[in-house]
Amino acid sequence: QTHWALEGITTTFRPGVTWLAGPLGAGTSTLLGALAGLLPRLSGGDGAGTATLDGADVAASSPLDRGIGWLGPAPALQLSGVAGTVRDEIAVGPMNLGWPRERIRAAVEAAMARTDVAHLADRAPNALSGGETQRVLLAALLATDPQVLLLDEPCAALDHAARERIADLLVTLGREGRIVVLTCDDADLMATRADRVVVLCGGAVAADTTPAVLLAESAPALGVGSTDAATLAAMAGYPAPRPLTTEALVATLALDADVAPVRTPPSPPRDATPVLAMREASYAWPDGRPVLHALTLAVHPGEAMMVLGPNGAGKSTMLRLAMALAQPQQGVVEVLGAPTTGRHPEDLAPTVGFLFQEPERQLFAASVRAECAIGPRLAGWDRARVEAATVGILATLGLDDVAEEHPWDLPLPRRRLVALAATLVSRPQLLLLDEPTAGLDAASRDRVMQAAVAHCEAGGTLVAVTHDPVFAHEVGTRAIVMRDGRVGLEGSVTAGLDAAGLVRPAALAIGARLGVVGGRGVVADVLARRTRG
C-alpha cells in the first residue's frame, strides 16, 4: 500500500515570504524538494501531479537552470567539494551557468556582502562552523540570481544576530519580487516577517493563513510552536487570540513592565574533581589559523553548562577537544580526571557521549532501534538490558513510531533525535551536545529538555552548545559565552544569555512571574501545563 508523504496539495506561491510550518514529519522538507524538482527523482518513490514555474515543469531540468535556489536541511552536504575557498564555492553556480568572468566576480562579491560572509572569502569551505556554512551556501544561491528560493531551516545553525539579519534579508528578497518559501522553527522570527504561513499535517495542507492569525489562535492545535509571549499566555490559561509580543503580554495580563531578572539556580558544590577541565588549551586548524586561545574552564558533576556565543567562536571545536576528536596543540584537556592526550573517542565512550551538530556523521545502522542498541551492546550489556534501555529512550524522545525505519529515511530533525537517543541510551557520565534542539518542533524540544534535565538529576553532567535561549534557560545551571576562541564571560545562565544577545529577557522573567518557567527542574511542570491546556 502506497504511503504518500504529500497528498493532494494544490496551491500557488507568489513573490514574498511563505513560511511552511508543521510538526515533525508533516512533509515540509518533502514539499520543498518537490518544488525544486528534486523529488522523487533523487529520493526514489512514486510521484503524482506536477510543480510548475512559469508554466514549465520544474522537474524537466535542474533547479539552477530554472532559476530555483534550494538549500537543504544539512548544509555541509551541499558544499561542492571542488572549491578551495569560500569565494570559489560561491562562484560555482554562476560558473555552471556560463556567465562571463566579470559578471561572476560581481555576483560573488554582492552575494557575500548581502549575507555578511565577505570576511570568510579566503577560508576553506570545510573549515567553517555550521552557521558559517549555512550563510555561505545561501550566498552561493543568491549569486545565481534565482527567481525562487526554497530554504529548509536556513536559520537553524545561526547565532541570534545572524538569524535576525538573514531573516530581514529574506524579507528584502521577497519585496524584490522573488518567491521565498522556507521552513523555520522560530515563530518569533517569522511572526512579523512572513507574508503567509502554510501549515502541513500528515502531508496535507491543514491551514493557509497569515502568521498573526495562526500564532495567536490555532498554532498549538496544529502542532506548531507559537511566539514566546503567546506560549506563556497559553500556559497561564489565557484564551485565544493571545498576545504575540512581550509588550502585548505585559499589557494584556496587567503586569509591571519592569520585571525582575530571572533567578538561575545555584551550581552544584565544586569540591569534587571536575568531569571536564581545560587549562590553557589552544587549537589551530591544519593551515595554522587559530581556533581556541588558552581556554580554561571546569565543569563539575551534576552541572549543565551552556556554551553560548556567535558562529565561528570555537564552541564546536571545544566539544571536539572534550571528546578527543581533536587534541590541543597547547595546554591540557582532562575528562573524568585523566588527560585526553593520546586517547581516542572510543577510549571515552560510552562514559562520554557526543551529539554532533550534523547527526548524519554518527548514524549508520539500518533501523532506529538498531542504532540505539549499538552503544549498550559495545558496552557489554546483556540482551534484556539493551532491549529495555532502547525501548525506554525511544519512548522518551517520541521515536516509537519510527523504531523500524532507516534513520536516513527520516527528516533531519528526527535524525537529530535518533542520534541523541543513541547517545543517551548508554547513560554517559558526561554528555556533550552540539545544537541539540536545532530544527525541532515544540513537542520534540520539550522532550529533549526533559531528557537533558533528567540526565543531570540522575547524576550526569552536561555541556551543550546552543543558540536556543529556552533550552539554555530551562536546562542550564551555568553558562560561558565564547568569542573568537576565548571565554568572554562565565556566570549564570541569565547573564550568559543576556551577554550573548540570545534571550528575550522580559519574556522569561514574565514566565517566572506567571509560574510557568523558572529554570532547571520545571520542565515536567511545563509539559503538564501544556497537556492540561
Protein backbone atom coordinates (compact mmCIF):
# COMPACT_ATOMS: atom_id res chain seq x y z
CA GLN A 1 0.00 0.00 0.00
CA THR A 2 1.38 3.40 -1.01
CA HIS A 3 2.00 5.87 1.80
CA TRP A 4 2.08 9.40 0.43
CA ALA A 5 4.48 11.80 2.16
CA LEU A 6 2.50 14.56 0.41
CA GLU A 7 -1.10 14.15 -0.64
CA GLY A 8 -3.48 16.37 -2.54
CA ILE A 9 -1.56 19.63 -2.25
CA THR A 10 -2.75 22.27 -4.70
CA THR A 11 -1.51 25.78 -4.13
CA THR A 12 0.30 28.72 -5.73
CA PHE A 13 3.32 30.57 -4.40
CA ARG A 14 3.77 34.24 -5.28
CA PRO A 15 6.52 36.80 -4.64
CA GLY A 16 7.07 37.38 -0.94
CA VAL A 17 7.89 35.17 2.02
CA THR A 18 5.87 32.00 2.63
CA TRP A 19 6.56 30.11 5.84
CA LEU A 20 6.00 26.34 5.76
CA ALA A 21 5.18 25.08 9.25
CA GLY A 22 4.04 21.87 10.87
CA PRO A 23 5.06 19.17 13.34
CA LEU A 24 7.98 16.84 12.61
CA GLY A 25 7.15 14.52 9.74
CA ALA A 26 4.44 16.80 8.35
CA GLY A 27 6.07 16.91 4.91
CA THR A 28 7.55 20.42 4.80
CA SER A 29 11.02 19.30 3.66
CA THR A 30 9.45 16.93 1.15
CA LEU A 31 7.36 19.75 -0.30
CA LEU A 32 10.45 21.95 -0.72
CA GLY A 33 12.25 19.12 -2.51
CA ALA A 34 9.26 18.58 -4.80
CA LEU A 35 9.01 22.28 -5.58
CA ALA A 36 12.70 22.21 -6.55
CA GLY A 37 12.04 19.30 -8.93
CA LEU A 38 14.36 17.05 -6.91
CA LEU A 39 11.75 14.58 -5.69
CA PRO A 40 11.11 11.79 -6.35
CA ARG A 41 14.00 11.86 -8.86
CA LEU A 42 16.70 11.86 -6.17
CA SER A 43 14.85 10.12 -3.36
CA GLY A 44 13.06 7.35 -5.18
CA GLY A 45 9.41 6.53 -4.59
CA ASP A 46 6.36 7.48 -6.59
CA GLY A 47 5.08 10.89 -7.56
CA ALA A 48 1.84 12.26 -8.89
CA GLY A 49 0.91 15.73 -10.06
CA THR A 50 3.32 18.47 -11.10
CA ALA A 51 5.07 21.54 -9.81
CA THR A 52 5.45 24.27 -12.39
CA LEU A 53 7.30 27.56 -12.64
CA ASP A 54 6.16 29.97 -15.35
CA GLY A 55 4.12 27.13 -16.82
CA ALA A 56 7.03 24.68 -17.17
CA ASP A 57 7.53 21.51 -15.13
CA VAL A 58 10.32 22.16 -12.61
CA ALA A 59 11.44 18.52 -12.87
CA ALA A 60 12.25 18.89 -16.56
CA SER A 61 15.67 20.40 -15.85
CA SER A 62 17.95 21.25 -12.94
CA PRO A 63 16.89 23.85 -10.34
CA LEU A 64 19.84 26.01 -11.38
CA ASP A 65 18.63 26.16 -14.98
CA ARG A 66 15.10 27.02 -13.83
CA GLY A 67 16.22 29.91 -11.62
CA ILE A 68 15.48 27.97 -8.44
CA GLY A 69 17.78 28.04 -5.42
CA TRP A 70 17.32 25.13 -3.00
CA LEU A 71 19.01 24.93 0.41
CA GLY A 72 18.72 21.54 2.07
CA PRO A 73 18.48 20.88 5.80
CA ALA A 74 22.10 19.62 6.03
CA PRO A 75 24.21 22.44 4.52
CA ALA A 76 27.57 20.69 4.92
CA LEU A 77 26.38 18.01 2.48
CA GLN A 78 25.62 20.66 -0.14
CA LEU A 79 29.15 22.02 -0.50
CA SER A 80 30.52 21.35 -3.98
CA GLY A 81 33.73 19.71 -2.80
CA VAL A 82 35.66 21.27 -5.69
CA ALA A 83 36.31 24.76 -4.30
CA GLY A 84 39.34 25.64 -2.23
CA THR A 85 37.93 28.88 -0.82
CA VAL A 86 34.56 30.31 0.11
CA ARG A 87 34.85 32.81 -2.77
CA ASP A 88 35.31 29.94 -5.21
CA GLU A 89 32.46 27.96 -3.64
CA ILE A 90 30.06 30.84 -4.18
CA ALA A 91 31.26 31.13 -7.79
CA VAL A 92 30.46 27.50 -8.67
CA GLY A 93 26.81 28.20 -9.56
CA PRO A 94 27.44 31.22 -11.81
CA MET A 95 30.29 29.33 -13.50
CA ASN A 96 27.93 26.44 -14.29
CA LEU A 97 25.54 28.97 -15.81
CA GLY A 98 28.31 30.04 -18.17
CA TRP A 99 28.40 33.66 -17.11
CA PRO A 100 31.35 35.90 -18.14
CA ARG A 101 34.17 36.28 -15.63
CA GLU A 102 33.33 39.86 -14.67
CA ARG A 103 29.68 39.06 -14.08
CA ILE A 104 30.66 36.11 -11.90
CA ARG A 105 33.07 38.23 -9.87
CA ALA A 106 30.45 40.94 -9.32
CA ALA A 107 27.75 38.42 -8.39
CA VAL A 108 30.02 36.70 -5.87
CA GLU A 109 31.04 39.93 -4.18
CA ALA A 110 27.43 41.14 -3.99
CA ALA A 111 26.21 37.83 -2.56
CA MET A 112 28.94 37.80 0.09
CA ALA A 113 28.05 41.34 1.11
CA ARG A 114 24.32 40.55 1.42
CA THR A 115 24.96 37.52 3.64
CA ASP A 116 27.82 39.01 5.70
CA VAL A 117 30.39 36.39 4.72
CA ALA A 118 32.97 38.59 2.96
CA HIS A 119 35.37 38.06 5.88
CA LEU A 120 35.29 34.32 5.13
CA ALA A 121 36.16 34.71 1.42
CA ASP A 122 39.61 33.12 1.62
CA ARG A 123 38.70 30.40 4.12
CA ALA A 124 38.36 26.74 3.14
CA PRO A 125 34.66 25.74 2.93
CA ASN A 126 35.26 22.61 5.00
CA ALA A 127 36.80 24.66 7.83
CA LEU A 128 33.66 26.66 8.63
CA SER A 129 31.27 26.41 11.54
CA GLY A 130 27.75 25.16 10.93
CA GLY A 131 26.31 28.66 10.93
CA GLU A 132 29.04 30.00 8.66
CA THR A 133 28.42 27.13 6.21
CA GLN A 134 24.71 27.93 6.18
CA ARG A 135 25.33 31.57 5.27
CA VAL A 136 27.94 30.69 2.64
CA LEU A 137 25.53 28.32 0.89
CA LEU A 138 22.81 30.97 0.95
CA ALA A 139 25.30 33.34 -0.66
CA ALA A 140 26.03 30.66 -3.28
CA LEU A 141 22.32 30.54 -4.12
CA LEU A 142 21.97 34.32 -4.29
CA ALA A 143 24.97 34.57 -6.62
CA THR A 144 22.93 32.77 -9.31
CA ASP A 145 20.19 35.44 -9.10
CA PRO A 146 17.35 32.95 -8.53
CA GLN A 147 13.70 33.76 -9.09
CA VAL A 148 12.69 31.24 -6.42
CA LEU A 149 14.39 30.44 -3.09
CA LEU A 150 13.39 27.18 -1.36
CA LEU A 151 15.08 27.11 2.04
CA ASP A 152 14.91 24.29 4.58
CA GLU A 153 15.62 25.71 8.05
CA PRO A 154 18.02 28.40 6.73
CA CYS A 155 18.45 29.90 10.21
CA ALA A 156 18.75 26.71 12.30
CA ALA A 157 22.52 26.93 12.87
CA LEU A 158 22.79 30.73 13.07
CA ASP A 159 23.54 32.78 16.14
CA HIS A 160 20.91 35.29 17.22
CA ALA A 161 22.34 38.32 15.41
CA ALA A 162 22.94 36.41 12.16
CA ARG A 163 19.46 34.89 12.37
CA GLU A 164 17.88 38.33 12.54
CA ARG A 165 19.98 39.65 9.65
CA ILE A 166 19.26 36.69 7.38
CA ALA A 167 15.53 36.81 8.18
CA ASP A 168 15.48 40.51 7.26
CA LEU A 169 17.36 39.70 4.04
CA LEU A 170 14.69 37.16 3.10
CA VAL A 171 12.03 39.83 3.55
CA THR A 172 14.01 42.14 1.27
CA LEU A 173 14.33 39.40 -1.35
CA GLY A 174 10.56 38.89 -1.26
CA ARG A 175 9.99 42.59 -1.76
CA GLU A 176 12.34 42.50 -4.75
CA GLY A 177 9.85 40.17 -6.42
CA ARG A 178 11.38 36.81 -5.58
CA ILE A 179 9.40 33.84 -4.30
CA VAL A 180 10.82 32.78 -0.93
CA VAL A 181 9.45 29.58 0.64
CA LEU A 182 11.09 28.38 3.83
CA THR A 183 10.72 26.17 6.86
CA CYS A 184 11.69 27.65 10.23
CA ASP A 185 11.31 26.50 13.83
CA ASP A 186 11.41 30.03 15.30
CA ALA A 187 7.91 31.51 15.43
CA ASP A 188 9.18 34.78 16.93
CA LEU A 189 11.45 35.20 13.92
CA MET A 190 8.68 34.60 11.39
CA ALA A 191 5.75 36.27 13.12
CA THR A 192 6.35 39.67 11.54
CA ARG A 193 8.42 38.65 8.53
CA ALA A 194 6.36 36.06 6.67
CA ASP A 195 3.55 37.26 4.43
CA ARG A 196 1.84 33.90 4.58
CA VAL A 197 2.04 30.64 6.53
CA VAL A 198 1.07 27.24 5.14
CA VAL A 199 0.74 24.53 7.78
CA LEU A 200 1.14 20.89 6.79
CA CYS A 201 -0.11 17.95 8.83
CA GLY A 202 0.30 14.41 7.58
CA GLY A 203 1.40 15.63 4.17
CA ALA A 204 -1.71 17.75 3.57
CA VAL A 205 -2.45 21.45 3.99
CA ALA A 206 -4.08 21.99 7.37
CA ALA A 207 -4.08 25.81 7.31
CA ASP A 208 -3.22 28.61 4.90
CA THR A 209 -3.35 31.97 6.62
CA THR A 210 -1.28 34.83 8.00
CA PRO A 211 1.26 34.28 10.80
CA ALA A 212 -0.58 36.66 13.14
CA VAL A 213 -3.80 34.66 12.92
CA LEU A 214 -2.10 31.27 13.23
CA LEU A 215 0.19 32.13 16.13
CA ALA A 216 -2.46 33.94 18.16
CA GLU A 217 -5.13 31.28 17.77
CA SER A 218 -4.61 27.81 16.32
CA ALA A 219 -0.86 27.08 16.33
CA PRO A 220 -0.79 24.61 19.29
CA ALA A 221 -3.71 22.60 17.94
CA LEU A 222 -1.85 22.15 14.64
CA GLY A 223 1.41 21.13 16.28
CA VAL A 224 3.13 24.44 15.53
CA GLY A 225 5.05 26.40 18.15
CA SER A 226 3.91 29.97 18.74
CA THR A 227 5.87 33.02 19.90
CA ASP A 228 7.34 33.11 23.40
CA ALA A 229 4.67 35.55 24.54
CA ALA A 230 1.74 33.58 23.09
CA THR A 231 3.12 30.35 24.57
CA LEU A 232 3.42 31.93 28.02
CA ALA A 233 -0.10 33.30 27.74
CA ALA A 234 -1.39 29.83 26.82
CA MET A 235 0.46 28.28 29.77
CA ALA A 236 -1.13 30.88 32.06
CA GLY A 237 -4.58 29.90 30.77
CA TYR A 238 -5.22 32.97 28.64
CA PRO A 239 -7.65 32.14 25.79
CA ALA A 240 -7.12 32.83 22.09
CA PRO A 241 -6.45 35.19 20.47
CA ARG A 242 -3.27 35.50 22.52
CA PRO A 243 -0.74 38.36 22.53
CA LEU A 244 2.23 37.71 20.25
CA THR A 245 4.81 40.05 21.76
CA THR A 246 6.22 40.57 25.23
CA GLU A 247 4.91 44.13 25.29
CA ALA A 248 1.40 42.97 24.41
CA LEU A 249 1.60 40.22 27.04
CA VAL A 250 2.58 42.72 29.75
CA ALA A 251 -0.36 44.94 28.81
CA THR A 252 -2.84 42.07 28.49
CA LEU A 253 -2.02 40.50 31.86
CA ALA A 254 -1.58 43.88 33.59
CA LEU A 255 1.94 43.06 34.74
CA ASP A 256 4.60 45.57 35.64
CA ALA A 257 6.70 46.31 32.60
CA ASP A 258 9.81 46.46 34.80
CA VAL A 259 10.09 42.77 35.55
CA ALA A 260 12.76 41.35 37.83
CA PRO A 261 15.61 39.27 36.38
CA VAL A 262 15.05 35.55 36.20
CA ARG A 263 16.73 33.69 39.03
CA THR A 264 19.13 30.96 37.93
CA PRO A 265 19.55 28.01 40.31
CA PRO A 266 22.96 27.82 42.03
CA SER A 267 25.61 25.50 40.63
CA PRO A 268 26.35 22.23 42.45
CA PRO A 269 29.18 22.18 45.02
CA ARG A 270 32.59 22.29 43.42
CA ASP A 271 34.56 20.18 45.88
CA ALA A 272 34.56 17.17 43.52
CA THR A 273 37.04 16.56 40.71
CA PRO A 274 35.82 18.28 37.53
CA VAL A 275 34.26 15.97 34.99
CA LEU A 276 35.72 18.18 32.26
CA ALA A 277 38.65 20.55 32.72
CA MET A 278 40.62 22.61 30.23
CA ARG A 279 43.73 24.53 31.23
CA GLU A 280 45.26 26.96 28.74
CA ALA A 281 44.04 24.74 25.89
CA SER A 282 44.74 26.07 22.39
CA TYR A 283 43.93 24.65 18.98
CA ALA A 284 44.52 25.72 15.37
CA TRP A 285 43.37 24.37 12.02
CA PRO A 286 45.96 22.49 9.92
CA ASP A 287 46.51 25.68 7.90
CA GLY A 288 47.63 27.40 11.10
CA ARG A 289 44.52 29.51 11.64
CA PRO A 290 43.89 29.65 15.42
CA VAL A 291 40.50 28.50 16.73
CA LEU A 292 40.90 28.31 20.52
CA HIS A 293 43.18 30.53 22.60
CA ALA A 294 44.32 29.37 26.06
CA LEU A 295 40.86 28.08 27.01
CA THR A 296 40.43 27.45 30.73
CA LEU A 297 37.24 26.06 32.25
CA ALA A 298 35.95 23.38 34.64
CA VAL A 299 32.63 21.54 34.64
CA HIS A 300 31.68 19.68 37.82
CA PRO A 301 29.46 16.64 38.47
CA GLY A 302 25.77 17.36 38.01
CA GLU A 303 26.28 20.67 36.22
CA ALA A 304 24.58 21.63 32.99
CA MET A 305 27.00 24.04 31.31
CA MET A 306 25.57 26.05 28.42
CA VAL A 307 28.13 27.17 25.82
CA LEU A 308 26.89 30.31 24.08
CA GLY A 309 28.33 32.70 21.53
CA PRO A 310 28.34 33.69 17.85
CA ASN A 311 29.02 31.41 14.90
CA GLY A 312 32.72 30.72 14.47
CA ALA A 313 33.59 31.37 18.13
CA GLY A 314 35.11 27.89 18.60
CA LYS A 315 32.24 26.28 20.51
CA SER A 316 32.03 23.08 18.47
CA THR A 317 35.83 22.78 18.45
CA MET A 318 35.82 22.96 22.23
CA LEU A 319 33.41 20.00 22.32
CA ARG A 320 35.65 18.09 19.90
CA LEU A 321 38.58 18.52 22.27
CA ALA A 322 36.45 17.23 25.13
CA MET A 323 35.58 14.09 23.11
CA ALA A 324 39.21 13.55 21.99
CA LEU A 325 38.14 14.06 18.38
CA ALA A 326 40.93 16.64 18.31
CA GLN A 327 43.95 17.21 20.53
CA PRO A 328 45.04 20.58 21.96
CA GLN A 329 48.30 21.88 20.49
CA GLN A 330 48.99 23.59 23.80
CA GLY A 331 47.59 23.19 27.29
CA VAL A 332 45.70 20.29 28.83
CA VAL A 333 42.24 18.80 28.42
CA GLU A 334 41.12 16.39 31.15
CA VAL A 335 37.99 14.23 31.09
CA LEU A 336 37.00 12.37 34.27
CA GLY A 337 40.33 13.32 35.81
CA ALA A 338 42.57 11.95 33.03
CA PRO A 339 44.23 13.87 30.16
CA THR A 340 42.88 13.20 26.67
CA THR A 341 46.38 13.32 25.15
CA GLY A 342 46.94 10.19 23.11
CA ARG A 343 43.40 8.98 23.65
CA HIS A 344 40.64 8.48 21.09
CA PRO A 345 36.84 8.85 21.18
CA GLU A 346 36.38 5.10 21.54
CA ASP A 347 38.51 5.24 24.70
CA LEU A 348 36.00 7.65 26.26
CA ALA A 349 32.75 6.07 25.05
CA PRO A 350 30.26 5.23 26.41
CA THR A 351 31.25 7.12 29.59
CA VAL A 352 31.30 10.24 27.42
CA GLY A 353 28.51 10.74 24.88
CA PHE A 354 28.71 13.16 21.95
CA LEU A 355 25.98 14.58 19.70
CA PHE A 356 27.34 16.12 16.50
CA GLN A 357 25.81 19.27 15.06
CA GLU A 358 25.37 17.22 11.88
CA PRO A 359 23.71 13.99 13.06
CA GLU A 360 24.43 12.25 9.75
CA ARG A 361 28.02 11.92 10.97
CA GLN A 362 27.04 9.33 13.57
CA LEU A 363 24.17 7.33 12.07
CA PHE A 364 24.97 4.09 10.27
CA ALA A 365 22.60 1.32 11.43
CA ALA A 366 19.75 0.00 9.29
CA SER A 367 16.98 0.96 11.74
CA VAL A 368 16.37 3.45 14.53
CA ARG A 369 16.10 0.60 17.05
CA ALA A 370 19.38 -0.93 15.90
CA GLU A 371 21.09 2.48 16.05
CA CYS A 372 20.08 2.91 19.68
CA ALA A 373 21.25 -0.60 20.59
CA ILE A 374 24.82 -0.21 19.30
CA GLY A 375 26.25 1.67 22.28
CA PRO A 376 24.85 -0.59 25.02
CA ARG A 377 25.95 -3.70 23.12
CA LEU A 378 29.50 -2.39 22.77
CA ALA A 379 29.42 -1.59 26.48
CA GLY A 380 28.76 -5.26 27.20
CA TRP A 381 25.15 -5.03 28.34
CA ASP A 382 23.09 -8.21 28.16
CA ARG A 383 20.27 -8.54 25.65
CA ALA A 384 17.44 -7.85 28.11
CA ARG A 385 19.10 -4.70 29.42
CA VAL A 386 19.81 -3.45 25.89
CA GLU A 387 16.21 -4.02 24.86
CA ALA A 388 14.77 -2.31 27.94
CA ALA A 389 17.05 0.71 27.55
CA THR A 390 16.27 1.01 23.84
CA VAL A 391 12.52 0.87 24.39
CA GLY A 392 12.83 3.46 27.13
CA ILE A 393 14.84 6.00 25.16
CA LEU A 394 12.61 5.65 22.09
CA ALA A 395 9.60 6.47 24.26
CA THR A 396 11.39 9.37 25.96
CA LEU A 397 12.21 11.09 22.66
CA GLY A 398 8.99 10.20 20.84
CA LEU A 399 10.56 7.80 18.35
CA ASP A 400 8.42 4.71 19.00
CA ASP A 401 6.57 5.10 15.71
CA VAL A 402 9.77 5.04 13.63
CA ALA A 403 11.69 2.36 15.53
CA GLU A 404 11.95 0.09 12.48
CA GLU A 405 12.61 2.90 9.97
CA HIS A 406 16.05 3.54 8.47
CA PRO A 407 17.42 6.72 10.11
CA TRP A 408 18.28 8.21 6.73
CA ASP A 409 14.66 7.88 5.64
CA LEU A 410 13.65 10.35 8.36
CA PRO A 411 13.68 14.15 8.08
CA LEU A 412 16.77 15.83 9.52
CA PRO A 413 15.17 16.94 12.83
CA ARG A 414 14.10 13.37 13.59
CA ARG A 415 17.56 12.12 12.61
CA ARG A 416 18.86 14.51 15.25
CA LEU A 417 16.55 12.89 17.79
CA VAL A 418 17.76 9.43 16.75
CA ALA A 419 21.39 10.46 17.20
CA LEU A 420 20.56 11.92 20.61
CA ALA A 421 18.71 8.74 21.60
CA ALA A 422 21.72 6.63 20.57
CA THR A 423 23.93 8.90 22.69
CA LEU A 424 21.69 8.94 25.78
CA VAL A 425 20.79 5.26 25.85
CA SER A 426 24.13 4.20 27.36
CA ARG A 427 23.71 6.72 30.19
CA PRO A 428 27.04 8.52 29.74
CA GLN A 429 28.54 10.26 32.72
CA LEU A 430 29.44 13.29 30.57
CA LEU A 431 27.06 14.33 27.80
CA LEU A 432 28.34 16.68 25.07
CA LEU A 433 25.61 18.15 22.87
CA ASP A 434 26.08 20.37 19.82
CA GLU A 435 22.85 22.23 18.95
CA PRO A 436 20.51 19.52 20.30
CA THR A 437 17.27 21.40 19.53
CA ALA A 438 18.07 22.86 16.08
CA GLY A 439 15.12 22.46 13.73
CA LEU A 440 12.89 20.69 16.28
CA ASP A 441 9.22 21.43 16.76
CA ALA A 442 7.89 22.49 20.17
CA ALA A 443 6.90 19.00 21.32
CA SER A 444 10.28 17.49 20.41
CA ARG A 445 12.14 20.38 22.03
CA ASP A 446 10.23 19.74 25.25
CA ARG A 447 11.22 16.07 25.15
CA VAL A 448 14.88 16.95 24.66
CA MET A 449 14.78 19.45 27.54
CA GLN A 450 13.14 16.89 29.79
CA ALA A 451 15.73 14.24 28.88
CA ALA A 452 18.62 16.66 29.50
CA VAL A 453 17.28 17.65 32.90
CA ALA A 454 16.70 14.01 33.83
CA HIS A 455 20.29 13.19 32.83
CA CYS A 456 21.70 15.76 35.26
CA GLU A 457 19.25 14.96 38.05
CA ALA A 458 20.41 11.33 37.82
CA GLY A 459 23.98 12.47 38.49
CA GLY A 460 25.19 13.05 34.94
CA THR A 461 26.97 16.13 33.65
CA LEU A 462 26.04 18.13 30.55
CA VAL A 463 27.91 20.52 28.29
CA ALA A 464 25.71 21.89 25.50
CA VAL A 465 26.44 24.30 22.67
CA THR A 466 23.19 26.05 21.86
CA HIS A 467 21.59 29.09 20.26
CA ASP A 468 18.25 28.18 21.86
CA PRO A 469 17.53 30.52 24.81
CA VAL A 470 14.65 28.44 26.14
CA PHE A 471 16.75 25.25 26.21
CA ALA A 472 19.61 27.11 27.90
CA HIS A 473 17.33 28.73 30.45
CA GLU A 474 15.30 25.62 31.31
CA VAL A 475 18.21 23.16 31.42
CA GLY A 476 21.37 25.11 32.27
CA THR A 477 22.87 25.75 35.68
CA ARG A 478 25.78 27.83 34.41
CA ALA A 479 26.95 29.37 31.14
CA ILE A 480 30.04 30.51 29.32
CA VAL A 481 29.99 32.88 26.37
CA MET A 482 32.73 32.29 23.80
CA ARG A 483 34.04 34.87 21.36
CA ASP A 484 36.99 34.47 19.00
CA GLY A 485 38.11 31.25 20.65
CA ARG A 486 38.12 32.66 24.17
CA VAL A 487 35.77 32.64 27.15
CA GLY A 488 34.39 36.15 27.25
CA LEU A 489 32.05 35.59 30.18
CA GLU A 490 31.40 32.86 32.74
CA GLY A 491 28.46 33.05 35.12
CA SER A 492 24.74 32.48 35.44
CA VAL A 493 22.66 31.34 32.50
CA THR A 494 20.67 34.56 32.62
CA ALA A 495 23.84 36.65 32.43
CA GLY A 496 25.19 34.46 29.65
CA LEU A 497 22.04 34.70 27.58
CA ASP A 498 21.95 38.46 28.01
CA ALA A 499 25.62 38.83 27.05
CA ALA A 500 25.20 36.54 24.03
CA GLY A 501 22.18 38.50 22.81
CA LEU A 502 20.22 35.25 22.72
CA VAL A 503 17.45 35.85 25.18
CA ARG A 504 14.29 37.84 25.26
CA PRO A 505 14.83 38.59 28.99
CA ALA A 506 11.42 40.12 29.62
CA ALA A 507 9.61 37.07 28.23
CA LEU A 508 11.50 34.69 30.53
CA ALA A 509 11.04 36.98 33.50
CA ILE A 510 7.32 37.22 32.83
CA GLY A 511 7.20 33.44 32.61
CA ALA A 512 8.77 33.22 36.04
CA ARG A 513 6.24 35.70 37.40
CA LEU A 514 3.41 33.61 35.96
CA GLY A 515 4.89 30.46 37.46
CA VAL A 516 5.23 28.66 34.15
CA VAL A 517 9.00 28.90 33.61
CA GLY A 518 11.63 29.23 36.26
CA GLY A 519 14.80 27.41 35.44
CA ARG A 520 16.04 23.88 35.77
CA GLY A 521 13.63 21.37 37.23
CA VAL A 522 10.38 22.85 35.91
CA VAL A 523 10.25 21.13 32.52
CA ALA A 524 7.90 18.41 33.72
CA ASP A 525 5.58 21.09 35.12
CA VAL A 526 5.68 22.99 31.84
CA LEU A 527 4.80 19.82 29.94
CA ALA A 528 1.96 19.09 32.34
CA ARG A 529 0.58 22.60 31.94
CA ARG A 530 0.75 22.31 28.15
CA THR A 531 -1.07 18.99 28.32
CA ARG A 532 -3.79 20.43 30.54
CA GLY A 533 -4.05 23.47 28.25
